[in-house]
Amino acid sequence: MAKATTKAAPAASKPASKKDTSSNGHAAPSVQPVMNQQFNAPAPLQKFGTVSQRLPIGLDEKTRQQSVDHLNQLLADTMTLRDLYKKHHWQVVGPTFYQLHLLYDKHYEEQSALVDTLAERIQILGGVAVAMAADVAEMTSIPRPPRDREEATVQVSRLLEAHQIILKECHEYAKAADEAGDDGTNDVVVSDVMRTNELQVWFVSEHVVNTPLVRAQ
């Protein structure tokens, strides 16, 4: 009886090499991503906390450095307030659940827009915007809330405290930018950050005014 034979597995196709050519005779490019480049990486393009002269915007390095430092502090605090709104949006309970649930999310979106505005201004000035949660947690001036779910009135009080911290910074940083001749930063701080936060303070504060719901006394 004839012996059974086994077929050899087909040879694996070889990856394209530099010598492989396309139909027009040009070398075919490799489509393999170059992985793990974060290991043994070259020096960073720019260190955090520094400014560069990439954009000719008419401001000296000292002025830009001061504005970048101030804006990064505002950015860290704005990112913290933004996330505080989202935490409360998820966790709010009580008779005003629907109103606060919607209001918190609206304010979250508005604070998110401010985050982009601040980060873009920092980059325009030649700085590096703070970005990651761990770095923000180290920089922020806003007290860290507990992980627990809290009453709506406590949530509002935490938000108002955070707004006040940011608004005090706005007054200080806007004045510094004005005195240094950095009109762009002054405009961002006043027109965007300050006015948005003041308006949100108004909407949030009215939820903790102790007025009767049914009849006047």
N, C-alpha and C. Protein backbone atom coordinates (compact mmCIF):
# COMPACT_ATOMS: atom_id res chain seq x y z
N MET A 1 0.85 -1.19 0.00
CA MET A 1 0.00 0.00 0.00
C MET A 1 0.88 1.24 0.00
N ALA A 2 0.50 2.20 -0.81
CA ALA A 2 1.34 3.40 -0.92
C ALA A 2 1.31 4.17 0.39
N LYS A 3 2.45 4.71 0.70
CA LYS A 3 2.56 5.51 1.92
C LYS A 3 1.82 6.83 1.75
N ALA A 4 1.15 7.24 2.85
CA ALA A 4 0.46 8.54 2.82
C ALA A 4 1.48 9.66 2.79
N THR A 5 1.20 10.64 2.02
CA THR A 5 2.12 11.79 1.94
C THR A 5 1.43 13.02 2.49
N THR A 6 2.22 13.89 3.06
CA THR A 6 1.68 15.15 3.60
C THR A 6 2.16 16.30 2.73
N LYS A 7 1.24 17.21 2.49
CA LYS A 7 1.61 18.37 1.69
C LYS A 7 2.31 19.41 2.55
N ALA A 8 3.34 19.94 2.02
CA ALA A 8 4.07 20.98 2.74
C ALA A 8 3.24 22.26 2.77
N ALA A 9 3.29 22.95 3.91
CA ALA A 9 2.57 24.21 4.03
C ALA A 9 3.16 25.22 3.07
N PRO A 10 2.34 26.06 2.48
CA PRO A 10 2.86 27.07 1.56
C PRO A 10 3.78 28.04 2.31
N ALA A 11 4.81 28.42 1.64
CA ALA A 11 5.77 29.34 2.26
C ALA A 11 5.11 30.69 2.49
N ALA A 12 5.42 31.27 3.66
CA ALA A 12 4.86 32.59 3.98
C ALA A 12 5.42 33.62 3.01
N SER A 13 4.54 34.52 2.62
CA SER A 13 5.00 35.55 1.70
C SER A 13 5.95 36.49 2.41
N LYS A 14 6.97 36.91 1.71
CA LYS A 14 7.97 37.78 2.29
C LYS A 14 7.47 39.21 2.28
N PRO A 15 7.80 39.95 3.35
CA PRO A 15 7.40 41.36 3.34
C PRO A 15 8.11 42.11 2.23
N ALA A 16 7.45 43.16 1.80
CA ALA A 16 8.06 43.95 0.73
C ALA A 16 9.38 44.52 1.18
N SER A 17 10.36 44.45 0.33
CA SER A 17 11.68 45.01 0.63
C SER A 17 11.90 46.27 -0.17
N LYS A 18 13.00 46.93 0.11
CA LYS A 18 13.31 48.16 -0.60
C LYS A 18 13.52 47.91 -2.10
N LYS A 19 13.82 46.66 -2.45
CA LYS A 19 14.10 46.34 -3.85
C LYS A 19 12.81 46.08 -4.63
N ASP A 20 11.68 45.88 -3.89
CA ASP A 20 10.42 45.65 -4.59
C ASP A 20 10.05 46.91 -5.36
N THR A 21 9.54 46.72 -6.55
CA THR A 21 9.19 47.87 -7.37
C THR A 21 7.75 47.76 -7.83
N SER A 22 7.16 48.90 -8.09
CA SER A 22 5.80 48.94 -8.60
C SER A 22 5.84 48.79 -10.11
N SER A 23 4.65 48.84 -10.72
CA SER A 23 4.56 48.62 -12.16
C SER A 23 5.29 49.68 -12.96
N ASN A 24 5.46 50.88 -12.38
CA ASN A 24 6.15 51.93 -13.13
C ASN A 24 7.65 51.95 -12.86
N GLY A 25 8.14 50.95 -12.10
CA GLY A 25 9.57 50.84 -11.87
C GLY A 25 10.08 51.57 -10.65
N HIS A 26 9.19 52.29 -9.94
CA HIS A 26 9.60 53.00 -8.74
C HIS A 26 9.58 52.05 -7.53
N ALA A 27 10.43 52.33 -6.55
CA ALA A 27 10.46 51.50 -5.35
C ALA A 27 9.13 51.62 -4.61
N ALA A 28 8.58 50.48 -4.19
CA ALA A 28 7.31 50.48 -3.47
C ALA A 28 7.53 50.89 -2.02
N PRO A 29 6.77 51.86 -1.51
CA PRO A 29 6.94 52.27 -0.12
C PRO A 29 6.43 51.20 0.84
N SER A 30 7.00 51.17 2.04
CA SER A 30 6.53 50.24 3.06
C SER A 30 5.30 50.80 3.73
N VAL A 31 4.31 49.93 3.98
CA VAL A 31 3.10 50.38 4.66
C VAL A 31 3.10 49.94 6.13
N GLN A 32 4.21 49.42 6.59
CA GLN A 32 4.32 48.97 7.98
C GLN A 32 4.56 50.17 8.90
N PRO A 33 3.64 50.43 9.86
CA PRO A 33 3.87 51.53 10.80
C PRO A 33 5.16 51.30 11.61
N VAL A 34 5.86 52.37 11.89
CA VAL A 34 7.06 52.30 12.73
C VAL A 34 6.61 52.46 14.18
N MET A 35 6.65 51.38 14.93
CA MET A 35 6.07 51.36 16.26
C MET A 35 7.10 51.70 17.35
N ASN A 36 6.57 52.00 18.56
CA ASN A 36 7.37 52.15 19.78
C ASN A 36 8.42 53.24 19.67
N GLN A 37 8.10 54.31 18.97
CA GLN A 37 9.07 55.39 18.83
C GLN A 37 9.21 56.23 20.09
N GLN A 38 8.29 56.02 21.06
CA GLN A 38 8.43 56.75 22.31
C GLN A 38 9.61 56.25 23.15
N PHE A 39 10.08 55.02 22.83
CA PHE A 39 11.23 54.48 23.53
C PHE A 39 12.50 54.94 22.82
N ASN A 40 13.46 55.37 23.60
CA ASN A 40 14.71 55.89 23.03
C ASN A 40 14.44 57.06 22.09
N ALA A 41 13.49 57.91 22.50
CA ALA A 41 13.11 59.05 21.67
C ALA A 41 14.16 60.15 21.75
N PRO A 42 14.23 60.99 20.75
CA PRO A 42 15.14 62.14 20.81
C PRO A 42 14.63 63.16 21.83
N ALA A 43 15.36 64.22 22.01
CA ALA A 43 14.96 65.27 22.94
C ALA A 43 13.61 65.84 22.51
N PRO A 44 12.78 66.30 23.47
CA PRO A 44 11.48 66.87 23.11
C PRO A 44 11.64 68.10 22.23
N LEU A 45 10.64 68.36 21.43
CA LEU A 45 10.70 69.53 20.56
C LEU A 45 10.75 70.82 21.36
N GLN A 46 10.05 70.84 22.49
CA GLN A 46 10.05 72.02 23.35
C GLN A 46 9.69 71.63 24.76
N LYS A 47 10.41 72.16 25.72
CA LYS A 47 10.15 71.87 27.13
C LYS A 47 8.94 72.66 27.62
N PHE A 48 8.15 72.01 28.48
CA PHE A 48 7.04 72.71 29.11
C PHE A 48 7.58 73.84 29.97
N GLY A 49 6.89 74.98 29.98
CA GLY A 49 7.33 76.11 30.77
C GLY A 49 8.24 77.07 30.03
N THR A 50 8.50 76.79 28.76
CA THR A 50 9.33 77.68 27.95
C THR A 50 8.50 78.29 26.83
N VAL A 51 9.05 79.34 26.22
CA VAL A 51 8.43 79.93 25.03
C VAL A 51 9.46 79.96 23.91
N SER A 52 8.99 79.97 22.69
CA SER A 52 9.88 80.02 21.54
C SER A 52 9.48 81.19 20.64
N GLN A 53 10.33 81.50 19.69
CA GLN A 53 10.07 82.62 18.79
C GLN A 53 9.51 82.14 17.46
N ARG A 54 8.62 81.17 17.51
CA ARG A 54 8.11 80.60 16.26
C ARG A 54 7.24 81.57 15.48
N LEU A 55 6.44 82.39 16.17
CA LEU A 55 5.51 83.28 15.48
C LEU A 55 5.86 84.74 15.76
N PRO A 56 6.01 85.56 14.71
CA PRO A 56 6.32 86.97 14.90
C PRO A 56 5.07 87.78 15.25
N ILE A 57 4.73 87.83 16.52
CA ILE A 57 3.47 88.48 16.94
C ILE A 57 3.72 89.80 17.68
N GLY A 58 4.94 90.30 17.65
CA GLY A 58 5.20 91.63 18.19
C GLY A 58 5.32 91.71 19.69
N LEU A 59 5.56 90.60 20.37
CA LEU A 59 5.72 90.59 21.82
C LEU A 59 7.08 90.00 22.18
N ASP A 60 7.74 90.61 23.17
CA ASP A 60 9.06 90.10 23.56
C ASP A 60 8.92 88.82 24.39
N GLU A 61 10.02 88.14 24.59
CA GLU A 61 9.99 86.83 25.25
C GLU A 61 9.51 86.93 26.70
N LYS A 62 9.92 87.99 27.40
CA LYS A 62 9.51 88.13 28.80
C LYS A 62 7.99 88.27 28.93
N THR A 63 7.41 89.07 28.06
CA THR A 63 5.95 89.26 28.08
C THR A 63 5.23 87.97 27.75
N ARG A 64 5.71 87.27 26.73
CA ARG A 64 5.06 86.03 26.33
C ARG A 64 5.20 84.95 27.41
N GLN A 65 6.35 84.92 28.08
CA GLN A 65 6.55 83.94 29.14
C GLN A 65 5.59 84.18 30.30
N GLN A 66 5.43 85.44 30.66
CA GLN A 66 4.49 85.78 31.75
C GLN A 66 3.07 85.38 31.38
N SER A 67 2.67 85.69 30.17
CA SER A 67 1.31 85.38 29.74
C SER A 67 1.09 83.86 29.66
N VAL A 68 2.08 83.13 29.16
CA VAL A 68 1.96 81.67 29.08
C VAL A 68 1.82 81.06 30.46
N ASP A 69 2.59 81.54 31.42
CA ASP A 69 2.49 81.02 32.79
C ASP A 69 1.09 81.27 33.36
N HIS A 70 0.59 82.47 33.15
CA HIS A 70 -0.75 82.81 33.66
C HIS A 70 -1.83 81.99 32.96
N LEU A 71 -1.71 81.88 31.65
CA LEU A 71 -2.72 81.16 30.89
C LEU A 71 -2.73 79.67 31.21
N ASN A 72 -1.56 79.10 31.47
CA ASN A 72 -1.52 77.69 31.84
C ASN A 72 -2.18 77.45 33.19
N GLN A 73 -2.04 78.41 34.12
CA GLN A 73 -2.74 78.27 35.39
C GLN A 73 -4.25 78.35 35.18
N LEU A 74 -4.67 79.30 34.36
CA LEU A 74 -6.10 79.41 34.04
C LEU A 74 -6.59 78.16 33.32
N LEU A 75 -5.76 77.60 32.45
CA LEU A 75 -6.14 76.40 31.71
C LEU A 75 -6.32 75.22 32.65
N ALA A 76 -5.39 75.04 33.58
CA ALA A 76 -5.50 73.93 34.54
C ALA A 76 -6.76 74.07 35.39
N ASP A 77 -7.06 75.30 35.82
CA ASP A 77 -8.24 75.51 36.64
C ASP A 77 -9.52 75.38 35.83
N THR A 78 -9.49 75.80 34.57
CA THR A 78 -10.66 75.67 33.72
C THR A 78 -10.95 74.21 33.41
N MET A 79 -9.92 73.41 33.17
CA MET A 79 -10.11 71.98 32.93
C MET A 79 -10.68 71.30 34.17
N THR A 80 -10.25 71.75 35.35
CA THR A 80 -10.76 71.18 36.59
C THR A 80 -12.23 71.54 36.79
N LEU A 81 -12.57 72.80 36.54
CA LEU A 81 -13.97 73.23 36.66
C LEU A 81 -14.84 72.52 35.63
N ARG A 82 -14.33 72.37 34.43
CA ARG A 82 -15.07 71.63 33.40
C ARG A 82 -15.41 70.22 33.88
N ASP A 83 -14.44 69.53 34.43
CA ASP A 83 -14.66 68.16 34.89
C ASP A 83 -15.55 68.12 36.14
N LEU A 84 -15.49 69.16 36.95
CA LEU A 84 -16.37 69.24 38.11
C LEU A 84 -17.82 69.36 37.67
N TYR A 85 -18.06 70.11 36.62
CA TYR A 85 -19.41 70.19 36.07
C TYR A 85 -19.89 68.84 35.56
N LYS A 86 -19.03 68.09 34.90
CA LYS A 86 -19.43 66.79 34.38
C LYS A 86 -19.69 65.81 35.52
N LYS A 87 -18.86 65.85 36.56
CA LYS A 87 -19.10 65.00 37.74
C LYS A 87 -20.48 65.28 38.32
N HIS A 88 -20.81 66.54 38.50
CA HIS A 88 -22.10 66.90 39.08
C HIS A 88 -23.24 66.58 38.12
N HIS A 89 -23.01 66.71 36.84
CA HIS A 89 -24.02 66.36 35.84
C HIS A 89 -24.42 64.90 35.98
N TRP A 90 -23.45 64.03 36.19
CA TRP A 90 -23.72 62.60 36.34
C TRP A 90 -24.39 62.27 37.68
N GLN A 91 -24.03 63.00 38.73
CA GLN A 91 -24.38 62.58 40.08
C GLN A 91 -25.52 63.35 40.73
N VAL A 92 -26.01 64.40 40.10
CA VAL A 92 -27.03 65.24 40.74
C VAL A 92 -28.32 64.45 40.98
N VAL A 93 -28.95 64.72 42.13
CA VAL A 93 -30.24 64.11 42.48
C VAL A 93 -31.12 65.17 43.13
N GLY A 94 -32.40 64.85 43.27
CA GLY A 94 -33.29 65.74 44.01
C GLY A 94 -34.34 66.38 43.12
N PRO A 95 -35.18 67.25 43.72
CA PRO A 95 -36.30 67.87 42.99
C PRO A 95 -35.86 68.70 41.78
N THR A 96 -34.64 69.23 41.82
CA THR A 96 -34.16 70.06 40.71
C THR A 96 -33.26 69.27 39.77
N PHE A 97 -33.39 67.95 39.81
CA PHE A 97 -32.51 67.11 38.99
C PHE A 97 -32.51 67.53 37.53
N TYR A 98 -33.69 67.65 36.93
CA TYR A 98 -33.76 67.91 35.49
C TYR A 98 -33.10 69.23 35.13
N GLN A 99 -33.43 70.29 35.87
CA GLN A 99 -32.88 71.61 35.58
C GLN A 99 -31.36 71.63 35.73
N LEU A 100 -30.88 71.09 36.86
CA LEU A 100 -29.44 71.11 37.10
C LEU A 100 -28.69 70.16 36.17
N HIS A 101 -29.29 69.02 35.87
CA HIS A 101 -28.68 68.07 34.95
C HIS A 101 -28.39 68.73 33.61
N LEU A 102 -29.35 69.48 33.10
CA LEU A 102 -29.17 70.17 31.82
C LEU A 102 -28.22 71.36 31.96
N LEU A 103 -28.37 72.11 33.03
CA LEU A 103 -27.51 73.29 33.23
C LEU A 103 -26.05 72.91 33.38
N TYR A 104 -25.78 71.88 34.18
CA TYR A 104 -24.40 71.44 34.37
C TYR A 104 -23.77 71.03 33.04
N ASP A 105 -24.53 70.34 32.21
CA ASP A 105 -23.96 69.89 30.94
C ASP A 105 -23.73 71.06 30.00
N LYS A 106 -24.62 72.03 30.01
CA LYS A 106 -24.43 73.25 29.20
C LYS A 106 -23.16 73.98 29.62
N HIS A 107 -22.98 74.14 30.91
CA HIS A 107 -21.78 74.82 31.41
C HIS A 107 -20.52 74.01 31.13
N TYR A 108 -20.63 72.69 31.18
CA TYR A 108 -19.50 71.83 30.83
C TYR A 108 -19.05 72.10 29.39
N GLU A 109 -19.99 72.19 28.48
CA GLU A 109 -19.66 72.45 27.08
C GLU A 109 -19.01 73.82 26.92
N GLU A 110 -19.50 74.80 27.64
CA GLU A 110 -18.94 76.15 27.55
C GLU A 110 -17.53 76.20 28.13
N GLN A 111 -17.29 75.49 29.21
CA GLN A 111 -15.95 75.43 29.77
C GLN A 111 -15.01 74.67 28.84
N SER A 112 -15.52 73.66 28.15
CA SER A 112 -14.71 72.92 27.18
C SER A 112 -14.25 73.84 26.06
N ALA A 113 -15.13 74.74 25.63
CA ALA A 113 -14.75 75.70 24.59
C ALA A 113 -13.66 76.64 25.10
N LEU A 114 -13.74 77.03 26.37
CA LEU A 114 -12.70 77.89 26.95
C LEU A 114 -11.36 77.17 27.02
N VAL A 115 -11.38 75.87 27.27
CA VAL A 115 -10.15 75.09 27.31
C VAL A 115 -9.41 75.21 25.98
N ASP A 116 -10.12 75.06 24.88
CA ASP A 116 -9.50 75.18 23.57
C ASP A 116 -8.99 76.60 23.32
N THR A 117 -9.78 77.59 23.70
CA THR A 117 -9.38 79.00 23.51
C THR A 117 -8.09 79.30 24.25
N LEU A 118 -8.00 78.86 25.50
CA LEU A 118 -6.80 79.10 26.31
C LEU A 118 -5.59 78.37 25.75
N ALA A 119 -5.78 77.10 25.38
CA ALA A 119 -4.67 76.31 24.86
C ALA A 119 -4.14 76.90 23.54
N GLU A 120 -5.05 77.35 22.70
CA GLU A 120 -4.64 77.94 21.43
C GLU A 120 -3.86 79.24 21.65
N ARG A 121 -4.29 80.05 22.61
CA ARG A 121 -3.57 81.30 22.91
C ARG A 121 -2.16 80.99 23.42
N ILE A 122 -2.03 79.97 24.24
CA ILE A 122 -0.71 79.57 24.74
C ILE A 122 0.20 79.17 23.59
N GLN A 123 -0.33 78.40 22.67
CA GLN A 123 0.48 77.97 21.52
C GLN A 123 0.85 79.16 20.63
N ILE A 124 -0.06 80.10 20.45
CA ILE A 124 0.23 81.29 19.65
C ILE A 124 1.37 82.08 20.25
N LEU A 125 1.41 82.13 21.58
CA LEU A 125 2.47 82.86 22.28
C LEU A 125 3.81 82.12 22.25
N GLY A 126 3.81 80.89 21.74
CA GLY A 126 5.04 80.12 21.66
C GLY A 126 5.27 79.22 22.85
N GLY A 127 4.24 79.02 23.66
CA GLY A 127 4.37 78.16 24.83
C GLY A 127 3.87 76.76 24.57
N VAL A 128 3.81 75.98 25.65
CA VAL A 128 3.31 74.60 25.59
C VAL A 128 2.14 74.51 26.57
N ALA A 129 0.97 74.14 26.08
CA ALA A 129 -0.22 74.07 26.92
C ALA A 129 -0.22 72.80 27.76
N VAL A 130 -0.55 72.96 29.05
CA VAL A 130 -0.73 71.78 29.91
C VAL A 130 -1.91 70.98 29.37
N ALA A 131 -1.80 69.63 29.42
CA ALA A 131 -2.81 68.84 28.74
C ALA A 131 -3.31 67.64 29.53
N MET A 132 -2.43 66.92 30.22
CA MET A 132 -2.81 65.65 30.81
C MET A 132 -3.38 65.81 32.22
N ALA A 133 -4.28 64.90 32.59
CA ALA A 133 -5.01 65.01 33.86
C ALA A 133 -4.08 65.05 35.06
N ALA A 134 -3.03 64.24 35.05
CA ALA A 134 -2.11 64.21 36.20
C ALA A 134 -1.41 65.55 36.36
N ASP A 135 -1.03 66.18 35.25
CA ASP A 135 -0.36 67.48 35.31
C ASP A 135 -1.34 68.56 35.76
N VAL A 136 -2.57 68.48 35.27
CA VAL A 136 -3.60 69.43 35.68
C VAL A 136 -3.85 69.33 37.18
N ALA A 137 -3.92 68.10 37.70
CA ALA A 137 -4.17 67.90 39.13
C ALA A 137 -3.07 68.51 39.99
N GLU A 138 -1.85 68.49 39.50
CA GLU A 138 -0.74 69.09 40.24
C GLU A 138 -0.79 70.61 40.22
N MET A 139 -1.32 71.18 39.15
CA MET A 139 -1.27 72.63 38.96
C MET A 139 -2.49 73.37 39.48
N THR A 140 -3.65 72.74 39.49
CA THR A 140 -4.88 73.47 39.75
C THR A 140 -4.94 74.07 41.14
N SER A 141 -5.60 75.21 41.23
CA SER A 141 -5.84 75.87 42.53
C SER A 141 -7.18 75.48 43.13
N ILE A 142 -7.99 74.76 42.39
CA ILE A 142 -9.33 74.38 42.84
C ILE A 142 -9.26 73.13 43.71
N PRO A 143 -9.85 73.15 44.90
CA PRO A 143 -9.81 71.98 45.79
C PRO A 143 -10.41 70.75 45.14
N ARG A 144 -9.81 69.61 45.43
CA ARG A 144 -10.30 68.35 44.87
C ARG A 144 -11.56 67.90 45.60
N PRO A 145 -12.63 67.60 44.88
CA PRO A 145 -13.86 67.13 45.54
C PRO A 145 -13.75 65.65 45.87
N PRO A 146 -14.57 65.17 46.78
CA PRO A 146 -14.58 63.72 47.05
C PRO A 146 -15.18 62.96 45.88
N ARG A 147 -14.95 61.67 45.86
CA ARG A 147 -15.54 60.84 44.81
C ARG A 147 -17.02 60.58 45.04
N ASP A 148 -17.49 60.87 46.25
CA ASP A 148 -18.86 60.57 46.64
C ASP A 148 -19.87 61.44 45.89
N ARG A 149 -21.12 60.99 45.88
CA ARG A 149 -22.23 61.79 45.41
C ARG A 149 -22.66 62.72 46.53
N GLU A 150 -22.85 64.00 46.20
CA GLU A 150 -23.21 65.00 47.21
C GLU A 150 -24.55 65.66 46.86
N GLU A 151 -25.14 66.31 47.85
CA GLU A 151 -26.40 67.02 47.64
C GLU A 151 -26.20 68.15 46.64
N ALA A 152 -27.29 68.52 45.99
CA ALA A 152 -27.22 69.56 44.96
C ALA A 152 -26.69 70.88 45.51
N THR A 153 -27.08 71.23 46.73
CA THR A 153 -26.61 72.50 47.30
C THR A 153 -25.11 72.48 47.54
N VAL A 154 -24.58 71.33 47.91
CA VAL A 154 -23.14 71.21 48.10
C VAL A 154 -22.43 71.29 46.75
N GLN A 155 -23.01 70.65 45.74
CA GLN A 155 -22.45 70.74 44.39
C GLN A 155 -22.35 72.20 43.94
N VAL A 156 -23.43 72.93 44.13
CA VAL A 156 -23.46 74.33 43.72
C VAL A 156 -22.40 75.13 44.46
N SER A 157 -22.26 74.88 45.75
CA SER A 157 -21.26 75.60 46.53
C SER A 157 -19.85 75.32 46.03
N ARG A 158 -19.57 74.08 45.68
CA ARG A 158 -18.25 73.74 45.14
C ARG A 158 -18.01 74.46 43.81
N LEU A 159 -19.02 74.50 42.98
CA LEU A 159 -18.89 75.17 41.69
C LEU A 159 -18.64 76.66 41.86
N LEU A 160 -19.37 77.28 42.78
CA LEU A 160 -19.21 78.72 42.99
C LEU A 160 -17.82 79.05 43.54
N GLU A 161 -17.31 78.18 44.40
CA GLU A 161 -15.94 78.37 44.91
C GLU A 161 -14.93 78.30 43.76
N ALA A 162 -15.11 77.33 42.87
CA ALA A 162 -14.20 77.17 41.74
C ALA A 162 -14.28 78.37 40.80
N HIS A 163 -15.49 78.83 40.53
CA HIS A 163 -15.66 80.02 39.69
C HIS A 163 -14.96 81.23 40.30
N GLN A 164 -15.09 81.40 41.59
CA GLN A 164 -14.49 82.56 42.24
C GLN A 164 -12.97 82.52 42.14
N ILE A 165 -12.39 81.34 42.29
CA ILE A 165 -10.93 81.20 42.16
C ILE A 165 -10.49 81.64 40.76
N ILE A 166 -11.21 81.16 39.76
CA ILE A 166 -10.86 81.51 38.38
C ILE A 166 -11.06 83.00 38.11
N LEU A 167 -12.14 83.57 38.61
CA LEU A 167 -12.40 84.98 38.36
C LEU A 167 -11.38 85.89 39.04
N LYS A 168 -10.92 85.52 40.21
CA LYS A 168 -9.85 86.30 40.86
C LYS A 168 -8.58 86.26 40.03
N GLU A 169 -8.28 85.08 39.47
CA GLU A 169 -7.13 84.97 38.58
C GLU A 169 -7.32 85.83 37.34
N CYS A 170 -8.53 85.86 36.82
CA CYS A 170 -8.81 86.65 35.63
C CYS A 170 -8.50 88.13 35.86
N HIS A 171 -8.92 88.66 36.98
CA HIS A 171 -8.66 90.07 37.27
C HIS A 171 -7.16 90.33 37.35
N GLU A 172 -6.44 89.47 38.01
CA GLU A 172 -4.99 89.63 38.16
C GLU A 172 -4.27 89.48 36.82
N TYR A 173 -4.61 88.46 36.07
CA TYR A 173 -3.90 88.17 34.82
C TYR A 173 -4.26 89.15 33.72
N ALA A 174 -5.50 89.61 33.69
CA ALA A 174 -5.89 90.60 32.69
C ALA A 174 -5.14 91.91 32.90
N LYS A 175 -5.01 92.31 34.15
CA LYS A 175 -4.28 93.54 34.46
C LYS A 175 -2.80 93.40 34.09
N ALA A 176 -2.21 92.25 34.39
CA ALA A 176 -0.80 92.02 34.06
C ALA A 176 -0.59 92.05 32.54
N ALA A 177 -1.50 91.42 31.80
CA ALA A 177 -1.38 91.40 30.35
C ALA A 177 -1.54 92.80 29.77
N ASP A 178 -2.46 93.56 30.32
CA ASP A 178 -2.67 94.93 29.85
C ASP A 178 -1.43 95.79 30.09
N GLU A 179 -0.86 95.67 31.28
CA GLU A 179 0.33 96.46 31.60
C GLU A 179 1.54 96.05 30.77
N ALA A 180 1.58 94.79 30.34
CA ALA A 180 2.70 94.30 29.53
C ALA A 180 2.49 94.55 28.04
N GLY A 181 1.30 95.04 27.66
CA GLY A 181 1.01 95.29 26.25
C GLY A 181 0.56 94.07 25.48
N ASP A 182 0.18 92.99 26.18
CA ASP A 182 -0.31 91.78 25.52
C ASP A 182 -1.82 91.88 25.41
N ASP A 183 -2.27 92.61 24.40
CA ASP A 183 -3.70 92.87 24.24
C ASP A 183 -4.48 91.60 23.90
N GLY A 184 -3.86 90.69 23.15
CA GLY A 184 -4.54 89.45 22.79
C GLY A 184 -4.88 88.61 23.99
N THR A 185 -3.91 88.47 24.90
CA THR A 185 -4.16 87.70 26.11
C THR A 185 -5.17 88.40 27.00
N ASN A 186 -5.07 89.71 27.11
CA ASN A 186 -6.03 90.47 27.90
C ASN A 186 -7.44 90.25 27.38
N ASP A 187 -7.60 90.25 26.06
CA ASP A 187 -8.92 90.06 25.46
C ASP A 187 -9.47 88.66 25.73
N VAL A 188 -8.62 87.64 25.62
CA VAL A 188 -9.06 86.27 25.89
C VAL A 188 -9.51 86.14 27.34
N VAL A 189 -8.72 86.68 28.26
CA VAL A 189 -9.04 86.55 29.68
C VAL A 189 -10.34 87.28 30.03
N VAL A 190 -10.51 88.49 29.50
CA VAL A 190 -11.69 89.29 29.83
C VAL A 190 -12.91 88.85 29.03
N SER A 191 -12.78 88.85 27.71
CA SER A 191 -13.94 88.63 26.84
C SER A 191 -14.43 87.19 26.86
N ASP A 192 -13.51 86.25 27.00
CA ASP A 192 -13.89 84.84 26.97
C ASP A 192 -14.04 84.25 28.37
N VAL A 193 -12.94 84.19 29.10
CA VAL A 193 -12.94 83.47 30.38
C VAL A 193 -13.77 84.20 31.44
N MET A 194 -13.49 85.48 31.63
CA MET A 194 -14.17 86.21 32.70
C MET A 194 -15.67 86.30 32.46
N ARG A 195 -16.07 86.68 31.26
CA ARG A 195 -17.49 86.87 31.00
C ARG A 195 -18.26 85.56 31.04
N THR A 196 -17.67 84.50 30.54
CA THR A 196 -18.32 83.19 30.61
C THR A 196 -18.52 82.75 32.05
N ASN A 197 -17.48 82.90 32.87
CA ASN A 197 -17.57 82.47 34.26
C ASN A 197 -18.53 83.34 35.06
N GLU A 198 -18.55 84.64 34.81
CA GLU A 198 -19.49 85.50 35.52
C GLU A 198 -20.94 85.12 35.19
N LEU A 199 -21.21 84.83 33.93
CA LEU A 199 -22.56 84.45 33.54
C LEU A 199 -22.96 83.12 34.16
N GLN A 200 -22.02 82.17 34.21
CA GLN A 200 -22.32 80.88 34.82
C GLN A 200 -22.54 81.01 36.32
N VAL A 201 -21.79 81.90 36.96
CA VAL A 201 -22.00 82.15 38.40
C VAL A 201 -23.44 82.61 38.64
N TRP A 202 -23.93 83.48 37.80
CA TRP A 202 -25.30 83.98 37.95
C TRP A 202 -26.30 82.83 37.86
N PHE A 203 -26.19 82.01 36.81
CA PHE A 203 -27.15 80.92 36.61
C PHE A 203 -27.09 79.89 37.74
N VAL A 204 -25.89 79.60 38.23
CA VAL A 204 -25.76 78.60 39.28
C VAL A 204 -26.21 79.15 40.63
N SER A 205 -25.86 80.40 40.92
CA SER A 205 -26.18 81.00 42.22
C SER A 205 -27.67 81.06 42.49
N GLU A 206 -28.46 81.32 41.45
CA GLU A 206 -29.90 81.47 41.65
C GLU A 206 -30.57 80.19 42.13
N HIS A 207 -29.88 79.05 42.01
CA HIS A 207 -30.46 77.78 42.46
C HIS A 207 -30.38 77.60 43.97
N VAL A 208 -29.63 78.44 44.65
CA VAL A 208 -29.54 78.29 46.11
C VAL A 208 -30.09 79.52 46.83
N VAL A 209 -30.96 80.28 46.16
CA VAL A 209 -31.69 81.36 46.82
C VAL A 209 -32.90 80.76 47.53
N ASN A 210 -33.03 81.05 48.80
CA ASN A 210 -34.09 80.44 49.62
C ASN A 210 -35.38 81.24 49.50
N THR A 211 -36.17 80.94 48.47
CA THR A 211 -37.46 81.60 48.27
C THR A 211 -38.59 80.58 48.31
N PRO A 212 -39.80 80.98 48.75
CA PRO A 212 -40.93 80.03 48.81
C PRO A 212 -41.38 79.64 47.41
N LEU A 213 -41.83 78.41 47.30
CA LEU A 213 -42.27 77.89 46.00
C LEU A 213 -43.76 78.13 45.75
N VAL A 214 -44.57 78.16 46.83
CA VAL A 214 -46.01 78.19 46.66
C VAL A 214 -46.62 79.55 46.94
N ARG A 215 -46.28 80.17 48.08
CA ARG A 215 -46.95 81.43 48.43
C ARG A 215 -46.00 82.34 49.19
N ALA A 216 -46.26 83.63 49.07
CA ALA A 216 -45.47 84.60 49.82
C ALA A 216 -46.00 84.70 51.24
N GLN A 217 -45.15 85.10 52.15
CA GLN A 217 -45.56 85.24 53.55
C GLN A 217 -45.72 86.71 53.91
